[in-house]
Amino acid sequence: MLDSHYQDIGRQQSGVGEALYARSMPGGGYVRVELVVSDRGDVGSERRRGRVVIEPRDPSPRRDDAAPLVVEEVEGDDEDAVVAECFRIARDNAAIARRVLRRRSDLRAD
């Protein structure tokens, strides 16, 4: 069960993934959990991929955080396990911050 101060947005379509959860972030913006199913309908190769995405509420073109950032991707056969791991990350501001720093340092290294 989600804590009452987190906003569960239910199952809405978000273009590439199914948004299962979203909440506001301290300092603005929000974090969401998406679920993508590859090879839908082919039971033998169907895989679940969960994403934790952060998006600024008011993007500024002067900052490098103006676009949504995928901070974690989790893949597996068990939808419940994939979603649970993504929810664990999305509910933990420190875990998100660590992943943002790691992801941005990886992007700058390229």
Protein backbone atom coordinates (compact mmCIF):
# COMPACT_ATOMS: atom_id res chain seq x y z
CA MET A 1 0.00 0.00 0.00
CA LEU A 2 1.32 3.44 -0.89
CA ASP A 3 1.68 6.05 1.82
CA SER A 4 -1.07 8.66 1.77
CA HIS A 5 1.31 11.53 0.91
CA TYR A 6 2.28 9.85 -2.37
CA GLN A 7 0.00 10.45 -5.32
CA ASP A 8 -0.94 7.25 -7.12
CA ILE A 9 -2.06 8.18 -10.62
CA GLY A 10 -3.28 4.74 -11.53
CA ARG A 11 -2.70 3.19 -14.92
CA GLN A 12 -2.44 5.90 -17.55
CA GLN A 13 -0.74 5.70 -20.91
CA SER A 14 2.37 7.87 -21.23
CA GLY A 15 3.46 7.35 -24.82
CA VAL A 16 6.06 4.61 -24.50
CA GLY A 17 5.27 3.12 -21.13
CA GLU A 18 2.35 2.60 -18.84
CA ALA A 19 2.56 5.08 -15.92
CA LEU A 20 1.77 3.14 -12.75
CA TYR A 21 2.71 5.72 -10.12
CA ALA A 22 3.76 9.36 -9.81
CA ARG A 23 4.53 11.72 -6.98
CA SER A 24 5.81 15.24 -6.52
CA MET A 25 9.48 15.72 -5.76
CA PRO A 26 10.86 18.11 -3.16
CA GLY A 27 11.93 21.25 -4.99
CA GLY A 28 9.51 20.70 -7.87
CA GLY A 29 9.01 18.22 -10.63
CA TYR A 30 7.87 14.67 -10.20
CA VAL A 31 8.96 11.07 -10.36
CA ARG A 32 6.98 8.37 -12.12
CA VAL A 33 7.18 4.61 -12.58
CA GLU A 34 6.46 3.24 -16.05
CA LEU A 35 6.00 -0.34 -17.19
CA VAL A 36 6.84 -1.48 -20.73
CA VAL A 37 6.10 -4.98 -22.02
CA SER A 38 8.27 -6.15 -24.92
CA ASP A 39 7.01 -8.73 -27.42
CA ARG A 40 3.45 -8.46 -26.11
CA GLY A 41 1.52 -11.59 -26.96
CA ASP A 42 4.58 -13.80 -27.49
CA VAL A 43 4.57 -15.59 -24.14
CA GLY A 44 7.96 -17.19 -24.81
CA SER A 45 9.85 -13.92 -25.22
CA GLU A 46 7.64 -11.41 -23.38
CA ARG A 47 9.68 -9.34 -20.90
CA ARG A 48 8.72 -6.62 -18.43
CA ARG A 49 10.83 -3.47 -18.16
CA GLY A 50 10.17 -0.92 -15.47
CA ARG A 51 11.52 2.62 -15.54
CA VAL A 52 11.90 5.27 -12.89
CA VAL A 53 11.70 8.66 -14.64
CA ILE A 54 12.08 12.14 -13.18
CA GLU A 55 10.72 15.18 -14.92
CA PRO A 56 11.05 18.84 -13.91
CA ARG A 57 7.78 20.66 -13.36
CA ASP A 58 9.00 23.86 -15.05
CA PRO A 59 11.93 22.98 -17.31
CA SER A 60 14.46 25.71 -17.90
CA PRO A 61 16.35 25.71 -21.20
CA ARG A 62 19.43 26.97 -19.33
CA ARG A 63 19.69 23.83 -17.20
CA ASP A 64 20.71 20.37 -18.30
CA ASP A 65 17.72 18.86 -16.47
CA ALA A 66 15.06 20.31 -18.78
CA ALA A 67 14.20 16.92 -20.32
CA PRO A 68 12.83 13.85 -18.53
CA LEU A 69 15.60 11.59 -17.23
CA VAL A 70 15.33 7.81 -16.88
CA VAL A 71 17.22 7.22 -13.64
CA GLU A 72 16.74 3.44 -13.45
CA GLU A 73 15.54 0.58 -15.62
CA VAL A 74 14.67 -2.85 -14.23
CA GLU A 75 13.95 -5.82 -16.49
CA GLY A 76 12.57 -9.26 -15.75
CA ASP A 77 9.93 -11.90 -16.38
CA ASP A 78 8.02 -11.26 -13.14
CA GLU A 79 5.96 -8.07 -13.42
CA ASP A 80 5.41 -7.87 -9.65
CA ALA A 81 9.16 -8.00 -8.93
CA VAL A 82 9.96 -5.38 -11.58
CA VAL A 83 7.26 -3.00 -10.35
CA ALA A 84 8.18 -3.52 -6.67
CA GLU A 85 11.83 -2.61 -7.32
CA CYS A 86 10.84 0.49 -9.30
CA PHE A 87 8.41 1.58 -6.55
CA ARG A 88 11.13 1.10 -3.92
CA ILE A 89 13.42 3.44 -5.83
CA ALA A 90 10.70 5.99 -6.71
CA ARG A 91 9.68 6.38 -3.06
CA ASP A 92 13.26 7.03 -1.85
CA ASN A 93 14.55 10.56 -2.55
CA ALA A 94 18.13 9.61 -1.64
CA ALA A 95 18.09 6.62 -4.01
CA ILE A 96 16.81 8.87 -6.79
CA ALA A 97 19.48 11.50 -6.09
CA ARG A 98 22.26 8.88 -6.24
CA ARG A 99 20.97 7.56 -9.55
CA VAL A 100 20.58 11.06 -11.01
CA LEU A 101 24.19 11.89 -10.15
CA ARG A 102 25.40 8.59 -11.61
CA ARG A 103 23.32 8.97 -14.79
CA ARG A 104 24.39 12.57 -15.38
CA SER A 105 28.06 11.71 -14.86
CA ASP A 106 27.65 8.87 -17.40
CA LEU A 107 26.05 11.28 -19.89
CA ARG A 108 28.85 13.83 -19.47
CA ALA A 109 31.49 11.13 -19.95
CA ASP A 110 30.07 10.29 -23.40
